[in-house]
Amino acid sequence: MRARWQLGSVPIARGRRAMENVEPDVNIMSKASYKRLEERLAQLEDVERPKIVAEIQRAREHGDLSENSEYDAAREAQRQNESLISELRSQLANARIIEGNADAVSLDDEVELEDGAGERETITIVSTAEVDVLENRISNASPLGAALFNHSVGDTVSYVMPSGKRESVKIVSIKHRDQGDDRSL
């Protein structure tokens, strides 16, 4: 069953046009992102699922299920795990792998930005499946992520925030996470 989620069957887009004409339900991601999602899916299916089934079985042995909080907690954990498995399968099934451009911002790149006031911030461009705003990991589909895509060090990029306000940032450096390559001004 796992074979249909393998990278070999996923379309790979290259170059500056990789983000153009992308259908709304397609998940753009790097090979590394795809592999991380596959590993997470395997963890949930092969490790977490059996643990939860064992917890449910232990809770059933305690008798009356109507007032068994251990059973209720285990069933809720099972629902959450199965929901996440379903979500990851969908993301992998709809994946479109893109290869990074050596001279421009792409997926999995750490990008140092400078705003008009001279303040600097480093963000990482990730697929929609890996967004974590607390870790400064923004989606390639976000206004800033989409605007930065395929731009190079030294470029000033404008984007429109969800509030409608237009912002501009300058790309100070780009670090490709997969290659450890660092380009800066």
Protein backbone atom coordinates (compact mmCIF):
# COMPACT_ATOMS: atom_id res chain seq x y z
CA MET A 1 0.00 0.00 0.00
CA ARG A 2 2.79 2.39 0.84
CA ALA A 3 4.12 2.20 -2.75
CA ARG A 4 1.54 4.59 -4.16
CA TRP A 5 2.84 7.35 -1.86
CA GLN A 6 6.43 6.96 -3.05
CA LEU A 7 8.26 9.92 -4.54
CA GLY A 8 8.79 8.21 -7.88
CA SER A 9 5.14 8.67 -8.85
CA VAL A 10 4.96 12.37 -7.97
CA PRO A 11 5.23 14.97 -10.73
CA ILE A 12 8.29 17.21 -10.42
CA ALA A 13 8.28 20.79 -11.72
CA ARG A 14 11.47 22.72 -12.42
CA GLY A 15 12.53 26.30 -12.97
CA ARG A 16 10.83 29.65 -12.54
CA ARG A 17 7.48 28.40 -13.85
CA ALA A 18 7.12 25.74 -11.16
CA MET A 19 4.53 27.79 -9.25
CA GLU A 20 2.51 28.90 -12.28
CA ASN A 21 -0.80 27.29 -13.21
CA VAL A 22 -1.05 25.32 -9.98
CA GLU A 23 -4.49 23.94 -9.23
CA PRO A 24 -5.90 24.98 -5.84
CA ASP A 25 -5.89 21.45 -4.37
CA VAL A 26 -2.28 20.72 -5.40
CA ASN A 27 0.27 20.80 -2.57
CA ILE A 28 3.54 22.33 -3.72
CA MET A 29 6.50 20.92 -1.78
CA SER A 30 10.18 20.08 -2.00
CA LYS A 31 11.52 16.53 -2.10
CA ALA A 32 12.67 16.98 1.51
CA SER A 33 9.19 18.12 2.61
CA TYR A 34 7.61 15.17 0.83
CA LYS A 35 10.01 12.78 2.55
CA ARG A 36 9.31 14.34 5.98
CA LEU A 37 5.55 13.92 5.45
CA GLU A 38 6.06 10.30 4.35
CA GLU A 39 8.09 9.64 7.49
CA ARG A 40 5.43 11.28 9.68
CA LEU A 41 2.72 9.18 8.00
CA ALA A 42 4.72 6.00 8.58
CA GLN A 43 5.19 6.98 12.24
CA LEU A 44 1.46 7.53 12.71
CA GLU A 45 0.45 4.32 10.92
CA ASP A 46 3.16 1.95 12.12
CA VAL A 47 3.89 3.22 15.65
CA GLU A 48 1.10 5.45 16.98
CA ARG A 49 -1.85 3.45 15.62
CA PRO A 50 -0.80 0.15 17.30
CA LYS A 51 -0.10 1.99 20.59
CA ILE A 52 -3.57 3.54 20.56
CA VAL A 53 -5.22 0.20 19.73
CA ALA A 54 -3.39 -1.35 22.71
CA GLU A 55 -4.58 1.52 24.96
CA ILE A 56 -8.17 0.96 23.82
CA GLN A 57 -7.86 -2.76 24.52
CA ARG A 58 -6.47 -2.10 28.03
CA ALA A 59 -9.26 0.38 28.75
CA ARG A 60 -11.91 -2.13 27.61
CA GLU A 61 -10.60 -4.63 30.13
CA HIS A 62 -11.59 -2.24 32.95
CA GLY A 63 -15.24 -3.03 32.38
CA ASP A 64 -18.11 -0.57 31.95
CA LEU A 65 -17.31 1.64 28.93
CA SER A 66 -20.03 4.21 29.68
CA GLU A 67 -18.00 5.78 32.51
CA ASN A 68 -14.50 4.75 31.47
CA SER A 69 -12.43 7.92 31.00
CA GLU A 70 -9.36 5.93 29.84
CA TYR A 71 -11.44 4.38 27.07
CA ASP A 72 -12.87 7.78 26.06
CA ALA A 73 -9.37 9.32 25.98
CA ALA A 74 -7.98 6.45 23.90
CA ARG A 75 -10.88 6.65 21.42
CA GLU A 76 -10.34 10.42 21.09
CA ALA A 77 -6.61 9.82 20.47
CA GLN A 78 -7.58 7.27 17.83
CA ARG A 79 -9.92 9.76 16.10
CA GLN A 80 -7.21 12.44 16.08
CA ASN A 81 -4.57 10.02 14.79
CA GLU A 82 -6.82 8.70 12.01
CA SER A 83 -7.76 12.26 11.03
CA LEU A 84 -4.10 13.24 10.76
CA ILE A 85 -3.32 10.08 8.77
CA SER A 86 -6.13 10.95 6.35
CA GLU A 87 -4.88 14.53 6.02
CA LEU A 88 -1.28 13.44 5.35
CA ARG A 89 -2.41 10.87 2.77
CA SER A 90 -4.38 13.58 0.98
CA GLN A 91 -1.44 15.99 1.03
CA LEU A 92 0.90 13.33 -0.33
CA ALA A 93 -1.60 12.20 -2.98
CA ASN A 94 -1.97 15.80 -4.21
CA ALA A 95 1.74 16.64 -3.99
CA ARG A 96 3.65 18.39 -6.71
CA ILE A 97 7.39 18.35 -6.11
CA ILE A 98 9.38 21.36 -7.21
CA GLU A 99 13.12 21.62 -7.44
CA GLY A 100 14.75 24.72 -6.05
CA ASN A 101 16.43 27.37 -8.12
CA ALA A 102 20.07 27.77 -7.04
CA ASP A 103 19.94 31.57 -7.42
CA ALA A 104 16.51 32.33 -6.00
CA VAL A 105 14.15 31.72 -3.08
CA SER A 106 12.48 28.32 -3.16
CA LEU A 107 10.87 25.87 -0.74
CA ASP A 108 12.80 24.99 2.43
CA ASP A 109 15.00 28.10 2.09
CA GLU A 110 15.83 30.30 5.07
CA VAL A 111 15.50 33.90 3.92
CA GLU A 112 16.80 36.92 5.81
CA LEU A 113 14.69 39.99 5.09
CA GLU A 114 15.11 43.68 5.84
CA ASP A 115 12.14 46.02 6.02
CA GLY A 116 12.08 49.75 5.26
CA ALA A 117 13.03 50.59 8.88
CA GLY A 118 16.17 48.46 8.65
CA GLU A 119 14.83 45.69 10.91
CA ARG A 120 15.85 42.17 9.94
CA GLU A 121 13.99 38.92 10.31
CA THR A 122 14.70 35.40 9.12
CA ILE A 123 11.88 33.21 7.81
CA THR A 124 11.73 29.79 6.24
CA ILE A 125 9.56 29.15 3.17
CA VAL A 126 7.74 25.82 3.57
CA SER A 127 4.81 23.95 2.04
CA THR A 128 1.35 24.57 3.44
CA ALA A 129 1.61 21.28 5.36
CA GLU A 130 4.60 22.50 7.39
CA VAL A 131 3.57 26.02 8.42
CA ASP A 132 4.51 27.08 11.96
CA VAL A 133 4.29 30.84 12.50
CA LEU A 134 5.85 30.56 15.96
CA GLU A 135 8.99 29.16 14.30
CA ASN A 136 8.85 31.73 11.43
CA ARG A 137 7.98 28.97 8.96
CA ILE A 138 5.61 30.54 6.42
CA SER A 139 3.80 28.99 3.51
CA ASN A 140 4.81 29.44 -0.09
CA ALA A 141 1.10 30.24 -0.63
CA SER A 142 1.06 33.12 1.88
CA PRO A 143 1.27 36.66 0.47
CA LEU A 144 4.90 37.10 1.55
CA GLY A 145 5.95 33.54 0.65
CA ALA A 146 4.44 33.78 -2.83
CA ALA A 147 6.02 37.20 -3.40
CA LEU A 148 9.49 36.00 -2.37
CA PHE A 149 9.39 32.86 -4.51
CA ASN A 150 11.97 32.94 -7.33
CA HIS A 151 13.49 36.27 -6.23
CA SER A 152 17.21 36.62 -5.52
CA VAL A 153 19.49 38.25 -2.93
CA GLY A 154 19.32 42.04 -3.24
CA ASP A 155 15.80 42.09 -4.71
CA THR A 156 13.17 44.28 -3.09
CA VAL A 157 9.84 42.50 -3.05
CA SER A 158 6.40 44.05 -2.54
CA TYR A 159 3.38 42.13 -1.31
CA VAL A 160 -0.11 42.89 -0.07
CA MET A 161 -0.92 41.84 3.49
CA PRO A 162 -4.34 40.31 4.27
CA SER A 163 -5.35 43.70 5.72
CA GLY A 164 -4.81 45.23 2.26
CA LYS A 165 -1.68 47.14 3.30
CA ARG A 166 1.22 47.00 0.83
CA GLU A 167 4.62 46.12 2.33
CA SER A 168 8.12 45.87 0.84
CA VAL A 169 11.12 43.88 2.03
CA LYS A 170 14.64 43.40 0.74
CA ILE A 171 16.18 39.93 0.50
CA VAL A 172 19.46 40.08 2.45
CA SER A 173 20.42 36.41 2.30
CA ILE A 174 19.14 33.02 1.22
CA LYS A 175 20.24 29.75 2.77
CA HIS A 176 19.23 26.52 1.07
CA ARG A 177 18.50 24.08 3.89
CA ASP A 178 19.02 21.00 1.73
CA GLN A 179 22.47 22.05 0.53
CA GLY A 180 23.68 24.28 3.37
CA ASP A 181 24.38 26.89 0.70
CA ASP A 182 24.37 30.48 1.97
CA ARG A 183 24.13 33.48 -0.32
CA SER A 184 24.07 36.96 1.12
CA LEU A 185 24.68 40.60 0.27
